[in-house]
Amino acid sequence: GAGPAVHLAGLRGQPTVVNVWAGWCEPCQREAPYLRSL
């Protein structure tokens, strides 16, 4: 979306949850509500 490119090794300074997903991935769709709520 908007905003700068992200340097993955630079994700520092606060706790972070990184979720690898895809629109074609059905298990990703099923887990999405839990991440949205989190």
Full PDB file with SEQRES, HELIX, SHEET, SSBOND, CRYST1, ORIGX, SCALE, CONECT and MASTER records, all heavy atoms in Angstrom:
SEQRES   1 A   38  GLY ALA GLY PRO ALA VAL HIS LEU ALA GLY LEU ARG GLY          
SEQRES   2 A   38  GLN PRO THR VAL VAL ASN VAL TRP ALA GLY TRP CYS GLU          
SEQRES   3 A   38  PRO CYS GLN ARG GLU ALA PRO TYR LEU ARG SER LEU              
HELIX    1 AA1 LEU A    8  GLY A   10  5                                   3    
HELIX    2 AA2 GLU A   26  SER A   37  1                                  12    
SSBOND   1 CYS A   25    CYS A   28                          1555   1555  2.29  
CRYST1    1.000    1.000    1.000  90.00  90.00  90.00 P 1           1          
ORIGX1      1.000000  0.000000  0.000000        0.00000                         
ORIGX2      0.000000  1.000000  0.000000        0.00000                         
ORIGX3      0.000000  0.000000  1.000000        0.00000                         
SCALE1      1.000000  0.000000  0.000000        0.00000                         
SCALE2      0.000000  1.000000  0.000000        0.00000                         
SCALE3      0.000000  0.000000  1.000000        0.00000                         
ATOM      1  N   GLY A   1       0.817  -1.195   0.000  1.00  0.00           N  
ATOM      2  CA  GLY A   1       0.000   0.000   0.000  1.00  0.00           C  
ATOM      3  C   GLY A   1       0.854   1.249   0.000  1.00  0.00           C  
ATOM      4  O   GLY A   1       1.844   1.347  -0.718  1.00  0.00           O  
ATOM      5  N   ALA A   2       0.481   2.206   0.833  1.00  0.00           N  
ATOM      6  CA  ALA A   2       1.254   3.441   0.940  1.00  0.00           C  
ATOM      7  C   ALA A   2       2.424   3.227   1.885  1.00  0.00           C  
ATOM      8  O   ALA A   2       2.454   2.286   2.662  1.00  0.00           O  
ATOM      9  CB  ALA A   2       0.362   4.561   1.447  1.00  0.00           C  
ATOM     10  N   GLY A   3       3.373   4.145   1.819  1.00  0.00           N  
ATOM     11  CA  GLY A   3       4.500   4.067   2.727  1.00  0.00           C  
ATOM     12  C   GLY A   3       5.752   3.541   2.053  1.00  0.00           C  
ATOM     13  O   GLY A   3       5.729   3.105   0.900  1.00  0.00           O  
ATOM     14  N   PRO A   4       6.860   3.553   2.781  1.00  0.00           N  
ATOM     15  CA  PRO A   4       8.149   3.182   2.199  1.00  0.00           C  
ATOM     16  C   PRO A   4       8.298   1.673   2.047  1.00  0.00           C  
ATOM     17  O   PRO A   4       7.547   0.889   2.637  1.00  0.00           O  
ATOM     18  CB  PRO A   4       9.143   3.713   3.234  1.00  0.00           C  
ATOM     19  CG  PRO A   4       8.408   3.613   4.540  1.00  0.00           C  
ATOM     20  CD  PRO A   4       6.972   3.925   4.203  1.00  0.00           C  
ATOM     21  N   ALA A   5       9.288   1.284   1.244  1.00  0.00           N  
ATOM     22  CA  ALA A   5       9.677  -0.119   1.197  1.00  0.00           C  
ATOM     23  C   ALA A   5      10.184  -0.538   2.583  1.00  0.00           C  
ATOM     24  O   ALA A   5      10.658   0.294   3.357  1.00  0.00           O  
ATOM     25  CB  ALA A   5      10.756  -0.336   0.146  1.00  0.00           C  
ATOM     26  N   VAL A   6      10.078  -1.817   2.880  1.00  0.00           N  
ATOM     27  CA  VAL A   6      10.434  -2.318   4.206  1.00  0.00           C  
ATOM     28  C   VAL A   6      11.674  -3.206   4.110  1.00  0.00           C  
ATOM     29  O   VAL A   6      11.707  -4.150   3.318  1.00  0.00           O  
ATOM     30  CB  VAL A   6       9.269  -3.106   4.830  1.00  0.00           C  
ATOM     31  CG1 VAL A   6       9.695  -3.759   6.142  1.00  0.00           C  
ATOM     32  CG2 VAL A   6       8.074  -2.184   5.064  1.00  0.00           C  
ATOM     33  N   HIS A   7      12.671  -2.868   4.915  1.00  0.00           N  
ATOM     34  CA  HIS A   7      13.874  -3.688   5.038  1.00  0.00           C  
ATOM     35  C   HIS A   7      13.619  -4.669   6.179  1.00  0.00           C  
ATOM     36  O   HIS A   7      13.511  -4.261   7.338  1.00  0.00           O  
ATOM     37  CB  HIS A   7      15.079  -2.790   5.331  1.00  0.00           C  
ATOM     38  CG  HIS A   7      16.389  -3.500   5.251  1.00  0.00           C  
ATOM     39  ND1 HIS A   7      16.924  -3.943   4.058  1.00  0.00           N  
ATOM     40  CD2 HIS A   7      17.271  -3.861   6.215  1.00  0.00           C  
ATOM     41  CE1 HIS A   7      18.089  -4.528   4.286  1.00  0.00           C  
ATOM     42  NE2 HIS A   7      18.310  -4.504   5.598  1.00  0.00           N  
ATOM     43  N   LEU A   8      13.475  -5.950   5.850  1.00  0.00           N  
ATOM     44  CA  LEU A   8      13.036  -6.921   6.857  1.00  0.00           C  
ATOM     45  C   LEU A   8      13.966  -6.979   8.057  1.00  0.00           C  
ATOM     46  O   LEU A   8      13.513  -7.080   9.198  1.00  0.00           O  
ATOM     47  CB  LEU A   8      12.898  -8.313   6.227  1.00  0.00           C  
ATOM     48  CG  LEU A   8      11.817  -8.481   5.150  1.00  0.00           C  
ATOM     49  CD1 LEU A   8      11.726  -9.941   4.726  1.00  0.00           C  
ATOM     50  CD2 LEU A   8      10.465  -7.972   5.634  1.00  0.00           C  
ATOM     51  N   ALA A   9      15.267  -6.905   7.821  1.00  0.00           N  
ATOM     52  CA  ALA A   9      16.210  -6.951   8.942  1.00  0.00           C  
ATOM     53  C   ALA A   9      16.129  -5.697   9.804  1.00  0.00           C  
ATOM     54  O   ALA A   9      16.662  -5.684  10.919  1.00  0.00           O  
ATOM     55  CB  ALA A   9      17.632  -7.141   8.430  1.00  0.00           C  
ATOM     56  N   GLY A  10      15.466  -4.656   9.316  1.00  0.00           N  
ATOM     57  CA  GLY A  10      15.332  -3.413  10.062  1.00  0.00           C  
ATOM     58  C   GLY A  10      14.075  -3.336  10.905  1.00  0.00           C  
ATOM     59  O   GLY A  10      13.779  -2.279  11.472  1.00  0.00           O  
ATOM     60  N   LEU A  11      13.330  -4.433  10.985  1.00  0.00           N  
ATOM     61  CA  LEU A  11      12.124  -4.454  11.836  1.00  0.00           C  
ATOM     62  C   LEU A  11      12.566  -4.615  13.282  1.00  0.00           C  
ATOM     63  O   LEU A  11      12.549  -5.708  13.854  1.00  0.00           O  
ATOM     64  CB  LEU A  11      11.193  -5.593  11.412  1.00  0.00           C  
ATOM     65  CG  LEU A  11      10.485  -5.404  10.062  1.00  0.00           C  
ATOM     66  CD1 LEU A  11       9.818  -6.701   9.626  1.00  0.00           C  
ATOM     67  CD2 LEU A  11       9.457  -4.274  10.136  1.00  0.00           C  
ATOM     68  N   ARG A  12      12.961  -3.524  13.879  1.00  0.00           N  
ATOM     69  CA  ARG A  12      13.481  -3.521  15.248  1.00  0.00           C  
ATOM     70  C   ARG A  12      12.699  -2.506  16.083  1.00  0.00           C  
ATOM     71  O   ARG A  12      11.935  -1.708  15.568  1.00  0.00           O  
ATOM     72  CB  ARG A  12      14.970  -3.127  15.262  1.00  0.00           C  
ATOM     73  CG  ARG A  12      15.836  -3.792  14.199  1.00  0.00           C  
ATOM     74  CD  ARG A  12      16.563  -5.001  14.672  1.00  0.00           C  
ATOM     75  NE  ARG A  12      17.406  -5.542  13.603  1.00  0.00           N  
ATOM     76  CZ  ARG A  12      18.711  -5.313  13.498  1.00  0.00           C  
ATOM     77  NH1 ARG A  12      19.335  -4.580  14.390  1.00  0.00           N  
ATOM     78  NH2 ARG A  12      19.403  -5.855  12.498  1.00  0.00           N  
ATOM     79  N   GLY A  13      12.931  -2.537  17.378  1.00  0.00           N  
ATOM     80  CA  GLY A  13      12.420  -1.493  18.262  1.00  0.00           C  
ATOM     81  C   GLY A  13      11.127  -1.811  18.963  1.00  0.00           C  
ATOM     82  O   GLY A  13      10.803  -1.173  19.973  1.00  0.00           O  
ATOM     83  N   GLN A  14      10.347  -2.755  18.466  1.00  0.00           N  
ATOM     84  CA  GLN A  14       9.120  -3.137  19.144  1.00  0.00           C  
ATOM     85  C   GLN A  14       8.752  -4.562  18.748  1.00  0.00           C  
ATOM     86  O   GLN A  14       9.187  -5.059  17.695  1.00  0.00           O  
ATOM     87  CB  GLN A  14       7.972  -2.183  18.812  1.00  0.00           C  
ATOM     88  CG  GLN A  14       7.428  -2.285  17.405  1.00  0.00           C  
ATOM     89  CD  GLN A  14       6.271  -1.337  17.165  1.00  0.00           C  
ATOM     90  OE1 GLN A  14       6.392  -0.390  16.402  1.00  0.00           O  
ATOM     91  NE2 GLN A  14       5.139  -1.575  17.816  1.00  0.00           N  
ATOM     92  N   PRO A  15       7.974  -5.251  19.579  1.00  0.00           N  
ATOM     93  CA  PRO A  15       7.547  -6.603  19.215  1.00  0.00           C  
ATOM     94  C   PRO A  15       6.767  -6.577  17.897  1.00  0.00           C  
ATOM     95  O   PRO A  15       5.967  -5.670  17.657  1.00  0.00           O  
ATOM     96  CB  PRO A  15       6.655  -7.028  20.388  1.00  0.00           C  
ATOM     97  CG  PRO A  15       7.018  -6.113  21.510  1.00  0.00           C  
ATOM     98  CD  PRO A  15       7.443  -4.830  20.886  1.00  0.00           C  
ATOM     99  N   THR A  16       7.017  -7.578  17.057  1.00  0.00           N  
ATOM    100  CA  THR A  16       6.419  -7.590  15.720  1.00  0.00           C  
ATOM    101  C   THR A  16       5.949  -8.991  15.359  1.00  0.00           C  
ATOM    102  O   THR A  16       6.645  -9.978  15.632  1.00  0.00           O  
ATOM    103  CB  THR A  16       7.442  -7.112  14.670  1.00  0.00           C  
ATOM    104  OG1 THR A  16       7.871  -5.781  14.991  1.00  0.00           O  
ATOM    105  CG2 THR A  16       6.841  -7.105  13.273  1.00  0.00           C  
ATOM    106  N   VAL A  17       4.774  -9.054  14.760  1.00  0.00           N  
ATOM    107  CA  VAL A  17       4.271 -10.296  14.194  1.00  0.00           C  
ATOM    108  C   VAL A  17       4.321 -10.158  12.677  1.00  0.00           C  
ATOM    109  O   VAL A  17       3.717  -9.249  12.108  1.00  0.00           O  
ATOM    110  CB  VAL A  17       2.831 -10.584  14.659  1.00  0.00           C  
ATOM    111  CG1 VAL A  17       2.249 -11.795  13.917  1.00  0.00           C  
ATOM    112  CG2 VAL A  17       2.796 -10.822  16.164  1.00  0.00           C  
ATOM    113  N   VAL A  18       5.074 -11.049  12.027  1.00  0.00           N  
ATOM    114  CA  VAL A  18       5.189 -11.054  10.569  1.00  0.00           C  
ATOM    115  C   VAL A  18       4.438 -12.273  10.052  1.00  0.00           C  
ATOM    116  O   VAL A  18       4.762 -13.410  10.426  1.00  0.00           O  
ATOM    117  CB  VAL A  18       6.662 -11.101  10.120  1.00  0.00           C  
ATOM    118  CG1 VAL A  18       6.749 -11.222   8.598  1.00  0.00           C  
ATOM    119  CG2 VAL A  18       7.405  -9.863  10.603  1.00  0.00           C  
ATOM    120  N   ASN A  19       3.450 -12.035   9.201  1.00  0.00           N  
ATOM    121  CA  ASN A  19       2.646 -13.129   8.651  1.00  0.00           C  
ATOM    122  C   ASN A  19       2.859 -13.216   7.142  1.00  0.00           C  
ATOM    123  O   ASN A  19       2.617 -12.258   6.415  1.00  0.00           O  
ATOM    124  CB  ASN A  19       1.159 -12.910   8.960  1.00  0.00           C  
ATOM    125  CG  ASN A  19       0.280 -13.977   8.340  1.00  0.00           C  
ATOM    126  OD1 ASN A  19      -0.411 -13.738   7.358  1.00  0.00           O  
ATOM    127  ND2 ASN A  19       0.302 -15.166   8.906  1.00  0.00           N  
ATOM    128  N   VAL A  20       3.334 -14.369   6.680  1.00  0.00           N  
ATOM    129  CA  VAL A  20       3.513 -14.613   5.243  1.00  0.00           C  
ATOM    130  C   VAL A  20       2.219 -15.211   4.704  1.00  0.00           C  
ATOM    131  O   VAL A  20       1.751 -16.251   5.194  1.00  0.00           O  
ATOM    132  CB  VAL A  20       4.703 -15.566   5.002  1.00  0.00           C  
ATOM    133  CG1 VAL A  20       4.921 -15.749   3.500  1.00  0.00           C  
ATOM    134  CG2 VAL A  20       5.982 -15.017   5.649  1.00  0.00           C  
ATOM    135  N   TRP A  21       1.637 -14.559   3.686  1.00  0.00           N  
ATOM    136  CA  TRP A  21       0.343 -14.970   3.184  1.00  0.00           C  
ATOM    137  C   TRP A  21       0.245 -14.721   1.693  1.00  0.00           C  
ATOM    138  O   TRP A  21       1.142 -14.142   1.073  1.00  0.00           O  
ATOM    139  CB  TRP A  21      -0.780 -14.229   3.925  1.00  0.00           C  
ATOM    140  CG  TRP A  21      -0.849 -12.741   3.643  1.00  0.00           C  
ATOM    141  CD1 TRP A  21      -0.027 -11.769   4.113  1.00  0.00           C  
ATOM    142  CD2 TRP A  21      -1.809 -12.087   2.801  1.00  0.00           C  
ATOM    143  NE1 TRP A  21      -0.404 -10.540   3.638  1.00  0.00           N  
ATOM    144  CE2 TRP A  21      -1.493 -10.698   2.825  1.00  0.00           C  
ATOM    145  CE3 TRP A  21      -2.888 -12.527   2.039  1.00  0.00           C  
ATOM    146  CZ2 TRP A  21      -2.241  -9.760   2.104  1.00  0.00           C  
ATOM    147  CZ3 TRP A  21      -3.638 -11.587   1.328  1.00  0.00           C  
ATOM    148  CH2 TRP A  21      -3.306 -10.221   1.376  1.00  0.00           C  
ATOM    149  N   ALA A  22      -0.859 -15.169   1.103  1.00  0.00           N  
ATOM    150  CA  ALA A  22      -1.148 -14.917  -0.312  1.00  0.00           C  
ATOM    151  C   ALA A  22      -2.653 -14.974  -0.506  1.00  0.00           C  
ATOM    152  O   ALA A  22      -3.364 -15.664   0.236  1.00  0.00           O  
ATOM    153  CB  ALA A  22      -0.462 -15.957  -1.197  1.00  0.00           C  
ATOM    154  N   GLY A  23      -3.130 -14.253  -1.518  1.00  0.00           N  
ATOM    155  CA  GLY A  23      -4.560 -14.252  -1.783  1.00  0.00           C  
ATOM    156  C   GLY A  23      -5.085 -15.606  -2.221  1.00  0.00           C  
ATOM    157  O   GLY A  23      -6.253 -15.926  -2.017  1.00  0.00           O  
ATOM    158  N   TRP A  24      -4.223 -16.438  -2.848  1.00  0.00           N  
ATOM    159  CA  TRP A  24      -4.649 -17.750  -3.340  1.00  0.00           C  
ATOM    160  C   TRP A  24      -4.568 -18.837  -2.257  1.00  0.00           C  
ATOM    161  O   TRP A  24      -4.952 -19.985  -2.494  1.00  0.00           O  
ATOM    162  CB  TRP A  24      -3.785 -18.182  -4.519  1.00  0.00           C  
ATOM    163  CG  TRP A  24      -2.306 -17.982  -4.313  1.00  0.00           C  
ATOM    164  CD1 TRP A  24      -1.543 -16.937  -4.742  1.00  0.00           C  
ATOM    165  CD2 TRP A  24      -1.408 -18.857  -3.601  1.00  0.00           C  
ATOM    166  NE1 TRP A  24      -0.233 -17.100  -4.364  1.00  0.00           N  
ATOM    167  CE2 TRP A  24      -0.117 -18.262  -3.666  1.00  0.00           C  
ATOM    168  CE3 TRP A  24      -1.556 -20.068  -2.937  1.00  0.00           C  
ATOM    169  CZ2 TRP A  24       1.000 -18.857  -3.072  1.00  0.00           C  
ATOM    170  CZ3 TRP A  24      -0.452 -20.658  -2.350  1.00  0.00           C  
ATOM    171  CH2 TRP A  24       0.811 -20.054  -2.424  1.00  0.00           C  
ATOM    172  N   CYS A  25      -4.073 -18.482  -1.078  1.00  0.00           N  
ATOM    173  CA  CYS A  25      -3.802 -19.451  -0.011  1.00  0.00           C  
ATOM    174  C   CYS A  25      -5.029 -19.593   0.893  1.00  0.00           C  
ATOM    175  O   CYS A  25      -5.341 -18.687   1.678  1.00  0.00           O  
ATOM    176  CB  CYS A  25      -2.572 -18.987   0.775  1.00  0.00           C  
ATOM    177  SG  CYS A  25      -2.288 -19.839   2.331  1.00  0.00           S  
ATOM    178  N   GLU A  26      -5.744 -20.719   0.810  1.00  0.00           N  
ATOM    179  CA  GLU A  26      -6.960 -20.908   1.603  1.00  0.00           C  
ATOM    180  C   GLU A  26      -6.691 -20.947   3.108  1.00  0.00           C  
ATOM    181  O   GLU A  26      -7.442 -20.346   3.883  1.00  0.00           O  
ATOM    182  CB  GLU A  26      -7.684 -22.169   1.145  1.00  0.00           C  
ATOM    183  CG  GLU A  26      -8.278 -22.041  -0.251  1.00  0.00           C  
ATOM    184  CD  GLU A  26      -9.104 -23.240  -0.643  1.00  0.00           C  
ATOM    185  OE1 GLU A  26      -9.311 -24.128   0.222  1.00  0.00           O  
ATOM    186  OE2 GLU A  26      -9.556 -23.298  -1.798  1.00  0.00           O  
ATOM    187  N   PRO A  27      -5.627 -21.630   3.575  1.00  0.00           N  
ATOM    188  CA  PRO A  27      -5.346 -21.570   5.023  1.00  0.00           C  
ATOM    189  C   PRO A  27      -5.064 -20.149   5.507  1.00  0.00           C  
ATOM    190  O   PRO A  27      -5.401 -19.807   6.645  1.00  0.00           O  
ATOM    191  CB  PRO A  27      -4.121 -22.471   5.184  1.00  0.00           C  
ATOM    192  CG  PRO A  27      -4.163 -23.391   4.014  1.00  0.00           C  
ATOM    193  CD  PRO A  27      -4.736 -22.585   2.897  1.00  0.00           C  
ATOM    194  N   CYS A  28      -4.470 -19.317   4.636  1.00  0.00           N  
ATOM    195  CA  CYS A  28      -4.229 -17.915   4.994  1.00  0.00           C  
ATOM    196  C   CYS A  28      -5.547 -17.189   5.206  1.00  0.00           C  
ATOM    197  O   CYS A  28      -5.675 -16.359   6.113  1.00  0.00           O  
ATOM    198  CB  CYS A  28      -3.423 -17.210   3.907  1.00  0.00           C  
ATOM    199  SG  CYS A  28      -1.814 -17.948   3.530  1.00  0.00           S  
ATOM    200  N   GLN A  29      -6.520 -17.501   4.375  1.00  0.00           N  
ATOM    201  CA  GLN A  29      -7.830 -16.869   4.511  1.00  0.00           C  
ATOM    202  C   GLN A  29      -8.497 -17.288   5.824  1.00  0.00           C  
ATOM    203  O   GLN A  29      -9.144 -16.476   6.486  1.00  0.00           O  
ATOM    204  CB  GLN A  29      -8.705 -17.247   3.321  1.00  0.00           C  
ATOM    205  CG  GLN A  29      -8.169 -16.754   1.979  1.00  0.00           C  
ATOM    206  CD  GLN A  29      -8.905 -17.344   0.796  1.00  0.00           C  
ATOM    207  OE1 GLN A  29     -10.024 -17.830   0.925  1.00  0.00           O  
ATOM    208  NE2 GLN A  29      -8.268 -17.327  -0.368  1.00  0.00           N  
ATOM    209  N   ARG A  30      -8.318 -18.556   6.205  1.00  0.00           N  
ATOM    210  CA  ARG A  30      -8.964 -19.039   7.430  1.00  0.00           C  
ATOM    211  C   ARG A  30      -8.338 -18.431   8.688  1.00  0.00           C  
ATOM    212  O   ARG A  30      -9.041 -18.222   9.687  1.00  0.00           O  
ATOM    213  CB  ARG A  30      -8.871 -20.570   7.487  1.00  0.00           C  
ATOM    214  CG  ARG A  30      -9.723 -21.266   6.426  1.00  0.00           C  
ATOM    215  CD  ARG A  30      -9.915 -22.730   6.766  1.00  0.00           C  
ATOM    216  NE  ARG A  30      -8.660 -23.485   6.741  1.00  0.00           N  
ATOM    217  CZ  ARG A  30      -8.180 -24.090   5.667  1.00  0.00           C  
ATOM    218  NH1 ARG A  30      -8.834 -24.025   4.513  1.00  0.00           N  
ATOM    219  NH2 ARG A  30      -7.039 -24.771   5.735  1.00  0.00           N  
ATOM    220  N   GLU A  31      -7.036 -18.144   8.654  1.00  0.00           N  
ATOM    221  CA  GLU A  31      -6.390 -17.588   9.841  1.00  0.00           C  
ATOM    222  C   GLU A  31      -6.483 -16.064   9.913  1.00  0.00           C  
ATOM    223  O   GLU A  31      -6.201 -15.471  10.951  1.00  0.00           O  
ATOM    224  CB  GLU A  31      -4.918 -17.994   9.895  1.00  0.00           C  
ATOM    225  CG  GLU A  31      -4.037 -17.301   8.856  1.00  0.00           C  
ATOM    226  CD  GLU A  31      -2.569 -17.631   8.998  1.00  0.00           C  
ATOM    227  OE1 GLU A  31      -2.193 -18.462   9.843  1.00  0.00           O  
ATOM    228  OE2 GLU A  31      -1.778 -17.057   8.223  1.00  0.00           O  
ATOM    229  N   ALA A  32      -6.901 -15.432   8.820  1.00  0.00           N  
ATOM    230  CA  ALA A  32      -6.919 -13.965   8.747  1.00  0.00           C  
ATOM    231  C   ALA A  32      -7.728 -13.311   9.876  1.00  0.00           C  
ATOM    232  O   ALA A  32      -7.297 -12.291  10.432  1.00  0.00           O  
ATOM    233  CB  ALA A  32      -7.423 -13.509   7.386  1.00  0.00           C  
ATOM    234  N   PRO A  33      -8.906 -13.829  10.263  1.00  0.00           N  
ATOM    235  CA  PRO A  33      -9.648 -13.168  11.346  1.00  0.00           C  
ATOM    236  C   PRO A  33      -8.875 -13.091  12.658  1.00  0.00           C  
ATOM    237  O   PRO A  33      -9.020 -12.127  13.410  1.00  0.00           O  
ATOM    238  CB  PRO A  33     -10.904 -14.033  11.478  1.00  0.00           C  
ATOM    239  CG  PRO A  33     -11.075 -14.678  10.155  1.00  0.00           C  
ATOM    240  CD  PRO A  33      -9.684 -14.927   9.655  1.00  0.00           C  
ATOM    241  N   TYR A  34      -8.029 -14.087  12.939  1.00  0.00           N  
ATOM    242  CA  TYR A  34      -7.263 -14.073  14.183  1.00  0.00           C  
ATOM    243  C   TYR A  34      -6.199 -12.977  14.151  1.00  0.00           C  
ATOM    244  O   TYR A  34      -5.976 -12.282  15.152  1.00  0.00           O  
ATOM    245  CB  TYR A  34      -6.603 -15.431  14.413  1.00  0.00           C  
ATOM    246  CG  TYR A  34      -7.552 -16.597  14.312  1.00  0.00           C  
ATOM    247  CD1 TYR A  34      -7.225 -17.737  13.580  1.00  0.00           C  
ATOM    248  CD2 TYR A  34      -8.796 -16.569  14.939  1.00  0.00           C  
ATOM    249  CE1 TYR A  34      -8.094 -18.810  13.490  1.00  0.00           C  
ATOM    250  CE2 TYR A  34      -9.682 -17.634  14.844  1.00  0.00           C  
ATOM    251  CZ  TYR A  34      -9.318 -18.755  14.105  1.00  0.00           C  
ATOM    252  OH  TYR A  34     -10.187 -19.812  14.005  1.00  0.00           O  
ATOM    253  N   LEU A  35      -5.573 -12.802  13.005  1.00  0.00           N  
ATOM    254  CA  LEU A  35      -4.569 -11.737  12.870  1.00  0.00           C  
ATOM    255  C   LEU A  35      -5.233 -10.368  12.878  1.00  0.00           C  
ATOM    256  O   LEU A  35      -4.706  -9.411  13.451  1.00  0.00           O  
ATOM    257  CB  LEU A  35      -3.770 -11.941  11.578  1.00  0.00           C  
ATOM    258  CG  LEU A  35      -2.835 -13.152  11.598  1.00  0.00           C  
ATOM    259  CD1 LEU A  35      -2.489 -13.579  10.176  1.00  0.00           C  
ATOM    260  CD2 LEU A  35      -1.564 -12.826  12.374  1.00  0.00           C  
ATOM    261  N   ARG A  36      -6.388 -10.274  12.243  1.00  0.00           N  
ATOM    262  CA  ARG A  36      -7.127  -9.003  12.227  1.00  0.00           C  
ATOM    263  C   ARG A  36      -7.498  -8.585  13.647  1.00  0.00           C  
ATOM    264  O   ARG A  36      -7.329  -7.424  14.029  1.00  0.00           O  
ATOM    265  CB  ARG A  36      -8.370  -9.167  11.363  1.00  0.00           C  
ATOM    266  CG  ARG A  36      -9.185  -7.899  11.164  1.00  0.00           C  
ATOM    267  CD  ARG A  36     -10.340  -8.167  10.228  1.00  0.00           C  
ATOM    268  NE  ARG A  36     -11.296  -9.112  10.787  1.00  0.00           N  
ATOM    269  CZ  ARG A  36     -11.822 -10.139  10.121  1.00  0.00           C  
ATOM    270  NH1 ARG A  36     -11.479 -10.380   8.873  1.00  0.00           N  
ATOM    271  NH2 ARG A  36     -12.702 -10.937  10.710  1.00  0.00           N  
ATOM    272  N   SER A  37      -7.972  -9.528  14.429  1.00  0.00           N  
ATOM    273  CA  SER A  37      -8.348  -9.243  15.811  1.00  0.00           C  
ATOM    274  C   SER A  37      -7.117  -8.903  16.648  1.00  0.00           C  
ATOM    275  O   SER A  37      -7.153  -7.976  17.474  1.00  0.00           O  
ATOM    276  CB  SER A  37      -9.079 -10.447  16.409  1.00  0.00           C  
ATOM    277  OG  SER A  37      -9.342 -10.251  17.781  1.00  0.00           O  
ATOM    278  N   LEU A  38      -6.048  -9.633  16.458  1.00  0.00           N  
ATOM    279  CA  LEU A  38      -4.808  -9.366  17.179  1.00  0.00           C  
ATOM    280  C   LEU A  38      -4.335  -7.943  16.918  1.00  0.00           C  
ATOM    281  O   LEU A  38      -3.994  -7.188  17.844  1.00  0.00           O  
ATOM    282  CB  LEU A  38      -3.736 -10.370  16.753  1.00  0.00           C  
ATOM    283  CG  LEU A  38      -2.349 -10.169  17.357  1.00  0.00           C  
ATOM    284  CD1 LEU A  38      -2.332 -10.572  18.822  1.00  0.00           C  
ATOM    285  CD2 LEU A  38      -1.307 -10.984  16.574  1.00  0.00           C  
TER     286      LEU A  38                                                      
CONECT  177  199                                                                
CONECT  199  177                                                                
MASTER        0    0    0    2    0    0    0    6  285    1    2    3          
END                                                                             
